[in-house]
Amino acid sequence: MSVKIRLHSHVIGFPYYKRQRKESQIETQRANRDKNHGYSFTYNPLYEMCNSYLSNGYSVLYGAESIPNESAEAKVFENITNVNPTQKVQDYLSRGFLTVVNPDFIYEECGTNYKSIVDFWNSSVDRIRKKLQGKTKGTMIISAPDSYFKHDKHDIFMMFEDEMGKTFHTKASMICWYKEEWLNSLSLASLINVLITHKYTIHNYQRYKAWDPNEIISLMSKSIDKSLGEGSATLLFQIMKTVHKLNQDVVVSGPVVFEATLKRLLDNDGQVYPVMDSISKQVIEKIVFCNKIFSRR
């Protein structure tokens, strides 16, 4: 199957956020089914994407999940192959088009030096292209923040992502895969930042949604209105401009300042944290992998 590959792009994916009880039951059933077939529920969309990339002649540098031993590495190869075990995919695998990396190793090697993480991925792409003698159409990098987030190094990974987006090879792209637990742990400012530092979110059927500054501001306004009532965003932005001399573009130019100002404006009712959580959840519902309501690009 031919797929649209976006090279020289920084992409982010948020798998399977459970919003309602009915959806949770359906997703749980699917998780059990996938588990019985040897798939990891969280990573199954990545296996599907990797299989498609390989089928279309792209090399894959996979570093989205912990790989403690050779058995775990072999399981990743098996899961990717089993999505669609064509002869073409098996040929590309035998030629070395798939490389599996343990993200825990990256943390151990690079530590808190975010530029070292950038260098690791870029040098890995160089090695793959040299190994394949340029016969790959491009390299798709699959990354995840797990090894940094579980060590409370959110800020280091965020700095890496910001820097990585500036240094891409013209024939490479990266998909960062944020599991539900990491997505839910992000502050509102961090949620905005991940949209700013990534060119696209990726969704079902390998569809992409681009987020420019105006769309991010619009998303924030709609999320505020859904949480506080129609017209609330307009009122809050007017107060920010009048009292704090901040225009709407502070949402993208200074997400931390925007979040702090919003908290101050909402603090009068004593419900600031529940409201901030509600706004974040509204944002999350629009950017998750399984969301179907977005414009095609």
C-alpha atoms as a PDB file:
ATOM      1  CA  MET A   1       0.000   0.000   0.000  1.00  0.00           C
ATOM      2  CA  SER A   2       1.344   3.422  -0.973  1.00  0.00           C
ATOM      3  CA  VAL A   3       1.435   5.954   1.855  1.00  0.00           C
ATOM      4  CA  LYS A   4       2.219   9.642   1.949  1.00  0.00           C
ATOM      5  CA  ILE A   5       5.579  10.090   3.670  1.00  0.00           C
ATOM      6  CA  ARG A   6       6.522  13.512   5.016  1.00  0.00           C
ATOM      7  CA  LEU A   7      10.298  13.813   5.071  1.00  0.00           C
ATOM      8  CA  HIS A   8      12.189  16.561   6.887  1.00  0.00           C
ATOM      9  CA  SER A   9       9.314  16.823   9.351  1.00  0.00           C
ATOM     10  CA  HIS A  10       8.928  16.600  13.116  1.00  0.00           C
ATOM     11  CA  VAL A  11       5.722  14.715  13.968  1.00  0.00           C
ATOM     12  CA  ILE A  12       4.071  13.801  17.257  1.00  0.00           C
ATOM     13  CA  GLY A  13       1.515  11.115  18.094  1.00  0.00           C
ATOM     14  CA  PHE A  14      -0.641  10.543  21.162  1.00  0.00           C
ATOM     15  CA  PRO A  15      -2.105   7.011  21.161  1.00  0.00           C
ATOM     16  CA  TYR A  16      -5.564   5.966  22.258  1.00  0.00           C
ATOM     17  CA  TYR A  17      -6.787   8.449  24.795  1.00  0.00           C
ATOM     18  CA  LYS A  18      -9.900   7.051  26.524  1.00  0.00           C
ATOM     19  CA  ARG A  19     -12.535   9.763  26.849  1.00  0.00           C
ATOM     20  CA  GLN A  20     -15.739   7.887  27.660  1.00  0.00           C
ATOM     21  CA  ARG A  21     -16.722   4.657  29.352  1.00  0.00           C
ATOM     22  CA  LYS A  22     -18.074   3.132  26.131  1.00  0.00           C
ATOM     23  CA  GLU A  23     -14.893   3.989  24.262  1.00  0.00           C
ATOM     24  CA  SER A  24     -12.815   2.560  27.116  1.00  0.00           C
ATOM     25  CA  GLN A  25     -14.641  -0.765  26.903  1.00  0.00           C
ATOM     26  CA  ILE A  26     -14.129  -0.944  23.140  1.00  0.00           C
ATOM     27  CA  GLU A  27     -10.455  -0.071  23.427  1.00  0.00           C
ATOM     28  CA  THR A  28      -9.964  -2.598  26.242  1.00  0.00           C
ATOM     29  CA  GLN A  29     -11.468  -5.318  24.067  1.00  0.00           C
ATOM     30  CA  ARG A  30      -9.170  -4.322  21.230  1.00  0.00           C
ATOM     31  CA  ALA A  31      -6.198  -4.301  23.605  1.00  0.00           C
ATOM     32  CA  ASN A  32      -6.979  -7.851  24.729  1.00  0.00           C
ATOM     33  CA  ARG A  33      -7.347  -8.991  21.124  1.00  0.00           C
ATOM     34  CA  ASP A  34      -4.054  -7.403  20.117  1.00  0.00           C
ATOM     35  CA  LYS A  35      -2.322  -8.869  23.160  1.00  0.00           C
ATOM     36  CA  ASN A  36      -3.484 -12.346  22.131  1.00  0.00           C
ATOM     37  CA  HIS A  37      -1.869 -11.749  18.742  1.00  0.00           C
ATOM     38  CA  GLY A  38       1.412 -10.729  20.348  1.00  0.00           C
ATOM     39  CA  TYR A  39       0.958  -7.002  19.796  1.00  0.00           C
ATOM     40  CA  SER A  40       1.475  -4.247  22.308  1.00  0.00           C
ATOM     41  CA  PHE A  41      -1.713  -2.175  22.361  1.00  0.00           C
ATOM     42  CA  THR A  42       0.138   1.126  22.789  1.00  0.00           C
ATOM     43  CA  TYR A  43       2.637   0.412  20.032  1.00  0.00           C
ATOM     44  CA  ASN A  44       0.454  -1.369  17.489  1.00  0.00           C
ATOM     45  CA  PRO A  45      -0.125   1.833  15.437  1.00  0.00           C
ATOM     46  CA  LEU A  46       3.649   2.234  15.237  1.00  0.00           C
ATOM     47  CA  TYR A  47       4.085  -1.347  14.019  1.00  0.00           C
ATOM     48  CA  GLU A  48       1.524  -0.631  11.302  1.00  0.00           C
ATOM     49  CA  MET A  49       3.319   2.559  10.274  1.00  0.00           C
ATOM     50  CA  CYS A  50       6.721   0.875  10.277  1.00  0.00           C
ATOM     51  CA  ASN A  51       5.418  -1.924   8.083  1.00  0.00           C
ATOM     52  CA  SER A  52       4.065   0.647   5.610  1.00  0.00           C
ATOM     53  CA  TYR A  53       7.342   2.579   5.570  1.00  0.00           C
ATOM     54  CA  LEU A  54       9.305  -0.600   4.878  1.00  0.00           C
ATOM     55  CA  SER A  55       6.851  -1.647   2.161  1.00  0.00           C
ATOM     56  CA  ASN A  56       7.513   1.642   0.407  1.00  0.00           C
ATOM     57  CA  GLY A  57      11.314   1.437   0.578  1.00  0.00           C
ATOM     58  CA  TYR A  58      12.004   3.615   3.622  1.00  0.00           C
ATOM     59  CA  SER A  59      14.391   2.574   6.373  1.00  0.00           C
ATOM     60  CA  VAL A  60      13.136   2.720   9.956  1.00  0.00           C
ATOM     61  CA  LEU A  61      15.034   3.633  13.115  1.00  0.00           C
ATOM     62  CA  TYR A  62      12.742   2.396  15.885  1.00  0.00           C
ATOM     63  CA  GLY A  63      13.323   3.589  19.460  1.00  0.00           C
ATOM     64  CA  ALA A  64       9.870   3.901  20.981  1.00  0.00           C
ATOM     65  CA  GLU A  65       9.856   1.162  23.624  1.00  0.00           C
ATOM     66  CA  SER A  66      12.192  -0.419  26.140  1.00  0.00           C
ATOM     67  CA  ILE A  67      14.225  -3.276  24.627  1.00  0.00           C
ATOM     68  CA  PRO A  68      15.944  -5.008  27.551  1.00  0.00           C
ATOM     69  CA  ASN A  69      17.264  -8.028  25.622  1.00  0.00           C
ATOM     70  CA  GLU A  70      17.538  -9.740  22.232  1.00  0.00           C
ATOM     71  CA  SER A  71      14.218 -11.515  22.743  1.00  0.00           C
ATOM     72  CA  ALA A  72      12.420  -8.187  23.101  1.00  0.00           C
ATOM     73  CA  GLU A  73      14.169  -6.883  19.984  1.00  0.00           C
ATOM     74  CA  ALA A  74      13.141  -9.964  18.021  1.00  0.00           C
ATOM     75  CA  LYS A  75       9.552  -9.441  19.194  1.00  0.00           C
ATOM     76  CA  VAL A  76       9.525  -5.924  17.714  1.00  0.00           C
ATOM     77  CA  PHE A  77      10.735  -7.318  14.377  1.00  0.00           C
ATOM     78  CA  GLU A  78       8.031  -9.998  14.550  1.00  0.00           C
ATOM     79  CA  ASN A  79       5.243  -7.552  15.406  1.00  0.00           C
ATOM     80  CA  ILE A  80       6.179  -5.189  12.577  1.00  0.00           C
ATOM     81  CA  THR A  81       6.435  -8.050  10.098  1.00  0.00           C
ATOM     82  CA  ASN A  82       3.134  -9.629  11.125  1.00  0.00           C
ATOM     83  CA  VAL A  83       1.131  -6.498  10.315  1.00  0.00           C
ATOM     84  CA  ASN A  84       1.456  -7.385   6.637  1.00  0.00           C
ATOM     85  CA  PRO A  85       4.083 -10.118   6.089  1.00  0.00           C
ATOM     86  CA  THR A  86       4.738  -9.549   2.410  1.00  0.00           C
ATOM     87  CA  GLN A  87       7.853 -10.739   0.644  1.00  0.00           C
ATOM     88  CA  LYS A  88       8.806  -7.114   0.035  1.00  0.00           C
ATOM     89  CA  VAL A  89       8.799  -6.316   3.767  1.00  0.00           C
ATOM     90  CA  GLN A  90      10.814  -9.435   4.557  1.00  0.00           C
ATOM     91  CA  ASP A  91      13.337  -8.552   1.845  1.00  0.00           C
ATOM     92  CA  TYR A  92      13.815  -5.061   3.245  1.00  0.00           C
ATOM     93  CA  LEU A  93      14.217  -6.481   6.752  1.00  0.00           C
ATOM     94  CA  SER A  94      16.878  -8.924   5.552  1.00  0.00           C
ATOM     95  CA  ARG A  95      18.736  -6.013   3.949  1.00  0.00           C
ATOM     96  CA  GLY A  96      18.858  -4.095   7.247  1.00  0.00           C
ATOM     97  CA  PHE A  97      16.182  -1.483   6.631  1.00  0.00           C
ATOM     98  CA  LEU A  98      14.918  -1.781  10.235  1.00  0.00           C
ATOM     99  CA  THR A  99      17.108  -0.822  13.194  1.00  0.00           C
ATOM    100  CA  VAL A 100      15.774  -1.180  16.752  1.00  0.00           C
ATOM    101  CA  VAL A 101      17.234   1.058  19.467  1.00  0.00           C
ATOM    102  CA  ASN A 102      16.672   0.825  23.220  1.00  0.00           C
ATOM    103  CA  PRO A 103      15.672   4.327  24.488  1.00  0.00           C
ATOM    104  CA  ASP A 104      16.995   3.409  27.940  1.00  0.00           C
ATOM    105  CA  PHE A 105      20.432   3.103  26.333  1.00  0.00           C
ATOM    106  CA  ILE A 106      20.053   6.626  24.930  1.00  0.00           C
ATOM    107  CA  TYR A 107      19.314   7.950  28.422  1.00  0.00           C
ATOM    108  CA  GLU A 108      22.314   6.145  29.874  1.00  0.00           C
ATOM    109  CA  GLU A 109      24.623   7.400  27.120  1.00  0.00           C
ATOM    110  CA  CYS A 110      23.400  10.977  26.746  1.00  0.00           C
ATOM    111  CA  GLY A 111      22.042  11.782  30.191  1.00  0.00           C
ATOM    112  CA  THR A 112      20.990  15.419  30.542  1.00  0.00           C
ATOM    113  CA  ASN A 113      22.924  16.657  27.509  1.00  0.00           C
ATOM    114  CA  TYR A 114      20.054  17.238  25.113  1.00  0.00           C
ATOM    115  CA  LYS A 115      22.381  18.043  22.221  1.00  0.00           C
ATOM    116  CA  SER A 116      23.943  14.597  22.636  1.00  0.00           C
ATOM    117  CA  ILE A 117      20.495  13.062  22.057  1.00  0.00           C
ATOM    118  CA  VAL A 118      20.215  15.048  18.831  1.00  0.00           C
ATOM    119  CA  ASP A 119      23.682  13.902  17.780  1.00  0.00           C
ATOM    120  CA  PHE A 120      22.798  10.286  18.587  1.00  0.00           C
ATOM    121  CA  TRP A 121      19.783  10.232  16.279  1.00  0.00           C
ATOM    122  CA  ASN A 122      21.433  12.150  13.448  1.00  0.00           C
ATOM    123  CA  SER A 123      24.572  10.018  13.529  1.00  0.00           C
ATOM    124  CA  SER A 124      22.377   6.883  13.570  1.00  0.00           C
ATOM    125  CA  VAL A 125      20.653   8.107  10.396  1.00  0.00           C
ATOM    126  CA  ASP A 126      24.073   8.675   8.800  1.00  0.00           C
ATOM    127  CA  ARG A 127      25.166   5.134   9.672  1.00  0.00           C
ATOM    128  CA  ILE A 128      21.996   3.634   8.204  1.00  0.00           C
ATOM    129  CA  ARG A 129      22.333   5.550   4.957  1.00  0.00           C
ATOM    130  CA  LYS A 130      25.988   4.511   4.683  1.00  0.00           C
ATOM    131  CA  LYS A 131      25.136   0.892   5.452  1.00  0.00           C
ATOM    132  CA  LEU A 132      22.383   0.841   2.833  1.00  0.00           C
ATOM    133  CA  GLN A 133      24.566   2.748   0.358  1.00  0.00           C
ATOM    134  CA  GLY A 134      21.862   5.368  -0.172  1.00  0.00           C
ATOM    135  CA  LYS A 135      19.318   2.814  -1.414  1.00  0.00           C
ATOM    136  CA  THR A 136      16.697   3.905   1.114  1.00  0.00           C
ATOM    137  CA  LYS A 137      14.219   6.594   0.080  1.00  0.00           C
ATOM    138  CA  GLY A 138      14.591   8.128   3.524  1.00  0.00           C
ATOM    139  CA  THR A 139      14.749   7.220   7.199  1.00  0.00           C
ATOM    140  CA  MET A 140      11.771   7.361   9.555  1.00  0.00           C
ATOM    141  CA  ILE A 141      12.818   7.786  13.196  1.00  0.00           C
ATOM    142  CA  ILE A 142      10.397   6.621  15.897  1.00  0.00           C
ATOM    143  CA  SER A 143      11.161   8.134  19.304  1.00  0.00           C
ATOM    144  CA  ALA A 144       9.463   8.343  22.717  1.00  0.00           C
ATOM    145  CA  PRO A 145      10.026  10.363  25.909  1.00  0.00           C
ATOM    146  CA  ASP A 146       9.612   7.400  28.301  1.00  0.00           C
ATOM    147  CA  SER A 147      13.213   7.053  29.486  1.00  0.00           C
ATOM    148  CA  TYR A 148      13.383  10.780  30.301  1.00  0.00           C
ATOM    149  CA  PHE A 149       9.904  11.290  31.691  1.00  0.00           C
ATOM    150  CA  LYS A 150      10.184   8.363  34.103  1.00  0.00           C
ATOM    151  CA  HIS A 151      13.337   9.999  35.500  1.00  0.00           C
ATOM    152  CA  ASP A 152      11.534  13.366  35.823  1.00  0.00           C
ATOM    153  CA  LYS A 153      13.658  14.885  33.068  1.00  0.00           C
ATOM    154  CA  HIS A 154      10.756  16.403  31.132  1.00  0.00           C
ATOM    155  CA  ASP A 155      12.674  19.624  30.509  1.00  0.00           C
ATOM    156  CA  ILE A 156      15.648  17.805  28.949  1.00  0.00           C
ATOM    157  CA  PHE A 157      13.470  15.918  26.503  1.00  0.00           C
ATOM    158  CA  MET A 158      11.586  19.091  25.591  1.00  0.00           C
ATOM    159  CA  MET A 159      14.877  20.867  24.836  1.00  0.00           C
ATOM    160  CA  PHE A 160      15.957  17.898  22.721  1.00  0.00           C
ATOM    161  CA  GLU A 161      12.727  18.034  20.722  1.00  0.00           C
ATOM    162  CA  ASP A 162      13.080  21.747  20.106  1.00  0.00           C
ATOM    163  CA  GLU A 163      16.675  21.309  18.911  1.00  0.00           C
ATOM    164  CA  MET A 164      15.964  18.163  16.878  1.00  0.00           C
ATOM    165  CA  GLY A 165      13.413  19.973  14.761  1.00  0.00           C
ATOM    166  CA  LYS A 166      16.141  22.379  13.616  1.00  0.00           C
ATOM    167  CA  THR A 167      18.675  19.764  12.539  1.00  0.00           C
ATOM    168  CA  PHE A 168      16.815  17.178  10.465  1.00  0.00           C
ATOM    169  CA  HIS A 169      18.414  15.495   7.507  1.00  0.00           C
ATOM    170  CA  THR A 170      16.470  16.340   4.350  1.00  0.00           C
ATOM    171  CA  LYS A 171      15.769  12.603   3.935  1.00  0.00           C
ATOM    172  CA  ALA A 172      14.640  11.904   7.500  1.00  0.00           C
ATOM    173  CA  SER A 173      11.609  12.467   9.722  1.00  0.00           C
ATOM    174  CA  MET A 174      10.863  11.777  13.369  1.00  0.00           C
ATOM    175  CA  ILE A 175       7.651  10.658  15.033  1.00  0.00           C
ATOM    176  CA  CYS A 176       7.617  11.193  18.818  1.00  0.00           C
ATOM    177  CA  TRP A 177       5.179   8.844  20.548  1.00  0.00           C
ATOM    178  CA  TYR A 178       3.695  10.135  23.816  1.00  0.00           C
ATOM    179  CA  LYS A 179       1.867   7.457  25.801  1.00  0.00           C
ATOM    180  CA  GLU A 180      -1.312   8.439  27.638  1.00  0.00           C
ATOM    181  CA  GLU A 181       0.396   8.629  31.030  1.00  0.00           C
ATOM    182  CA  TRP A 182       2.930  11.159  29.701  1.00  0.00           C
ATOM    183  CA  LEU A 183       0.326  13.173  27.832  1.00  0.00           C
ATOM    184  CA  ASN A 184      -1.814  13.496  30.952  1.00  0.00           C
ATOM    185  CA  SER A 185       1.187  14.603  33.019  1.00  0.00           C
ATOM    186  CA  LEU A 186       1.952  17.628  30.829  1.00  0.00           C
ATOM    187  CA  SER A 187       1.024  21.124  31.964  1.00  0.00           C
ATOM    188  CA  LEU A 188      -1.038  23.304  29.644  1.00  0.00           C
ATOM    189  CA  ALA A 189       2.108  25.229  28.669  1.00  0.00           C
ATOM    190  CA  SER A 190       3.907  21.962  27.858  1.00  0.00           C
ATOM    191  CA  LEU A 191       0.979  20.777  25.729  1.00  0.00           C
ATOM    192  CA  ILE A 192       1.195  23.988  23.725  1.00  0.00           C
ATOM    193  CA  ASN A 193       4.965  23.604  23.439  1.00  0.00           C
ATOM    194  CA  VAL A 194       4.765  20.109  21.961  1.00  0.00           C
ATOM    195  CA  LEU A 195       2.415  21.415  19.279  1.00  0.00           C
ATOM    196  CA  ILE A 196       4.797  24.297  18.556  1.00  0.00           C
ATOM    197  CA  THR A 197       7.914  22.112  18.330  1.00  0.00           C
ATOM    198  CA  HIS A 198       6.305  19.517  16.044  1.00  0.00           C
ATOM    199  CA  LYS A 199       5.143  20.301  12.544  1.00  0.00           C
ATOM    200  CA  TYR A 200       2.288  17.783  12.583  1.00  0.00           C
ATOM    201  CA  THR A 201       0.247  15.495  14.780  1.00  0.00           C
ATOM    202  CA  ILE A 202      -0.331  12.048  13.284  1.00  0.00           C
ATOM    203  CA  HIS A 203      -3.664  10.234  13.405  1.00  0.00           C
ATOM    204  CA  ASN A 204      -5.465   7.074  12.305  1.00  0.00           C
ATOM    205  CA  TYR A 205      -4.676   5.804   8.811  1.00  0.00           C
ATOM    206  CA  GLN A 206      -1.405   7.769   8.790  1.00  0.00           C
ATOM    207  CA  ARG A 207      -3.133  11.091   8.317  1.00  0.00           C
ATOM    208  CA  TYR A 208      -1.381  14.273   9.373  1.00  0.00           C
ATOM    209  CA  LYS A 209      -2.705  17.476  10.921  1.00  0.00           C
ATOM    210  CA  ALA A 210      -0.556  20.595  10.652  1.00  0.00           C
ATOM    211  CA  TRP A 211      -0.710  23.103  13.501  1.00  0.00           C
ATOM    212  CA  ASP A 212       0.214  26.681  12.681  1.00  0.00           C
ATOM    213  CA  PRO A 213       0.150  29.423  15.367  1.00  0.00           C
ATOM    214  CA  ASN A 214      -3.358  30.613  14.454  1.00  0.00           C
ATOM    215  CA  GLU A 215      -4.757  27.094  14.740  1.00  0.00           C
ATOM    216  CA  ILE A 216      -3.101  26.599  18.129  1.00  0.00           C
ATOM    217  CA  ILE A 217      -4.613  29.867  19.375  1.00  0.00           C
ATOM    218  CA  SER A 218      -8.014  28.840  17.987  1.00  0.00           C
ATOM    219  CA  LEU A 219      -7.720  25.432  19.682  1.00  0.00           C
ATOM    220  CA  MET A 220      -6.934  27.143  22.989  1.00  0.00           C
ATOM    221  CA  SER A 221      -9.893  29.536  22.627  1.00  0.00           C
ATOM    222  CA  LYS A 222     -12.326  26.700  21.893  1.00  0.00           C
ATOM    223  CA  SER A 223     -10.967  24.676  24.827  1.00  0.00           C
ATOM    224  CA  ILE A 224     -11.454  27.621  27.200  1.00  0.00           C
ATOM    225  CA  ASP A 225     -15.015  28.171  25.933  1.00  0.00           C
ATOM    226  CA  LYS A 226     -15.888  24.486  26.384  1.00  0.00           C
ATOM    227  CA  SER A 227     -14.552  24.556  29.934  1.00  0.00           C
ATOM    228  CA  LEU A 228     -15.919  27.931  31.076  1.00  0.00           C
ATOM    229  CA  GLY A 229     -18.757  28.727  28.694  1.00  0.00           C
ATOM    230  CA  GLU A 230     -19.185  30.412  25.316  1.00  0.00           C
ATOM    231  CA  GLY A 231     -17.444  33.785  25.099  1.00  0.00           C
ATOM    232  CA  SER A 232     -15.094  33.122  28.020  1.00  0.00           C
ATOM    233  CA  ALA A 233     -11.979  33.028  25.843  1.00  0.00           C
ATOM    234  CA  THR A 234     -12.794  36.388  24.251  1.00  0.00           C
ATOM    235  CA  LEU A 235     -13.302  37.941  27.691  1.00  0.00           C
ATOM    236  CA  LEU A 236     -10.101  36.456  29.131  1.00  0.00           C
ATOM    237  CA  PHE A 237      -7.995  37.572  26.162  1.00  0.00           C
ATOM    238  CA  GLN A 238      -9.470  41.079  26.436  1.00  0.00           C
ATOM    239  CA  ILE A 239      -8.481  41.223  30.111  1.00  0.00           C
ATOM    240  CA  MET A 240      -4.998  39.925  29.295  1.00  0.00           C
ATOM    241  CA  LYS A 241      -4.578  42.695  26.731  1.00  0.00           C
ATOM    242  CA  THR A 242      -5.985  45.469  28.915  1.00  0.00           C
ATOM    243  CA  VAL A 243      -4.443  44.537  32.260  1.00  0.00           C
ATOM    244  CA  HIS A 244      -1.321  42.577  31.331  1.00  0.00           C
ATOM    245  CA  LYS A 245      -0.549  44.055  27.888  1.00  0.00           C
ATOM    246  CA  LEU A 246      -0.544  40.572  26.346  1.00  0.00           C
ATOM    247  CA  ASN A 247      -1.989  39.821  22.921  1.00  0.00           C
ATOM    248  CA  GLN A 248      -3.457  36.469  21.881  1.00  0.00           C
ATOM    249  CA  ASP A 249      -0.182  35.418  20.296  1.00  0.00           C
ATOM    250  CA  VAL A 250       1.280  34.973  23.800  1.00  0.00           C
ATOM    251  CA  VAL A 251      -0.296  31.507  23.575  1.00  0.00           C
ATOM    252  CA  VAL A 252       2.448  30.488  21.119  1.00  0.00           C
ATOM    253  CA  SER A 253       5.133  33.104  21.785  1.00  0.00           C
ATOM    254  CA  GLY A 254       5.165  32.495  25.547  1.00  0.00           C
ATOM    255  CA  PRO A 255       3.132  29.459  26.642  1.00  0.00           C
ATOM    256  CA  VAL A 256       4.499  29.583  30.214  1.00  0.00           C
ATOM    257  CA  VAL A 257       3.556  33.270  30.539  1.00  0.00           C
ATOM    258  CA  PHE A 258       0.122  32.523  29.059  1.00  0.00           C
ATOM    259  CA  GLU A 259      -0.508  29.670  31.508  1.00  0.00           C
ATOM    260  CA  ALA A 260       0.650  31.711  34.517  1.00  0.00           C
ATOM    261  CA  THR A 261      -1.518  34.682  33.505  1.00  0.00           C
ATOM    262  CA  LEU A 262      -4.527  32.456  32.908  1.00  0.00           C
ATOM    263  CA  LYS A 263      -4.097  30.931  36.367  1.00  0.00           C
ATOM    264  CA  ARG A 264      -4.030  34.388  37.965  1.00  0.00           C
ATOM    265  CA  LEU A 265      -7.198  35.426  36.138  1.00  0.00           C
ATOM    266  CA  LEU A 266      -9.018  32.238  37.172  1.00  0.00           C
ATOM    267  CA  ASP A 267      -7.812  32.164  40.767  1.00  0.00           C
ATOM    268  CA  ASN A 268     -10.686  34.275  42.100  1.00  0.00           C
ATOM    269  CA  ASP A 269     -13.193  31.424  42.003  1.00  0.00           C
ATOM    270  CA  GLY A 270     -10.935  29.003  43.873  1.00  0.00           C
ATOM    271  CA  GLN A 271     -11.332  26.431  41.100  1.00  0.00           C
ATOM    272  CA  VAL A 272      -8.205  27.251  39.126  1.00  0.00           C
ATOM    273  CA  TYR A 273      -6.701  23.759  39.013  1.00  0.00           C
ATOM    274  CA  PRO A 274      -9.883  21.867  38.039  1.00  0.00           C
ATOM    275  CA  VAL A 275     -10.504  24.475  35.331  1.00  0.00           C
ATOM    276  CA  MET A 276      -6.921  24.252  34.040  1.00  0.00           C
ATOM    277  CA  ASP A 277      -7.238  20.450  33.970  1.00  0.00           C
ATOM    278  CA  SER A 278     -10.489  20.769  32.037  1.00  0.00           C
ATOM    279  CA  ILE A 279      -8.885  23.082  29.469  1.00  0.00           C
ATOM    280  CA  SER A 280      -5.974  20.652  29.045  1.00  0.00           C
ATOM    281  CA  LYS A 281      -8.388  17.748  28.526  1.00  0.00           C
ATOM    282  CA  GLN A 282     -10.222  19.705  25.835  1.00  0.00           C
ATOM    283  CA  VAL A 283      -6.911  20.250  24.041  1.00  0.00           C
ATOM    284  CA  ILE A 284      -5.958  16.580  24.395  1.00  0.00           C
ATOM    285  CA  GLU A 285      -9.223  15.394  22.861  1.00  0.00           C
ATOM    286  CA  LYS A 286      -8.387  17.273  19.655  1.00  0.00           C
ATOM    287  CA  ILE A 287      -4.800  16.085  19.206  1.00  0.00           C
ATOM    288  CA  VAL A 288      -4.909  12.389  20.095  1.00  0.00           C
ATOM    289  CA  PHE A 289      -4.147   9.699  17.537  1.00  0.00           C
ATOM    290  CA  CYS A 290      -7.694   8.342  17.377  1.00  0.00           C
ATOM    291  CA  ASN A 291      -9.340  11.733  16.860  1.00  0.00           C
ATOM    292  CA  LYS A 292     -11.120  11.836  13.479  1.00  0.00           C
ATOM    293  CA  ILE A 293     -12.167  15.494  13.464  1.00  0.00           C
ATOM    294  CA  PHE A 294      -9.402  17.452  11.785  1.00  0.00           C
ATOM    295  CA  SER A 295      -8.760  18.974   8.404  1.00  0.00           C
ATOM    296  CA  ARG A 296      -6.613  17.019   5.977  1.00  0.00           C
ATOM    297  CA  ARG A 297      -3.320  18.517   4.853  1.00  0.00           C
END
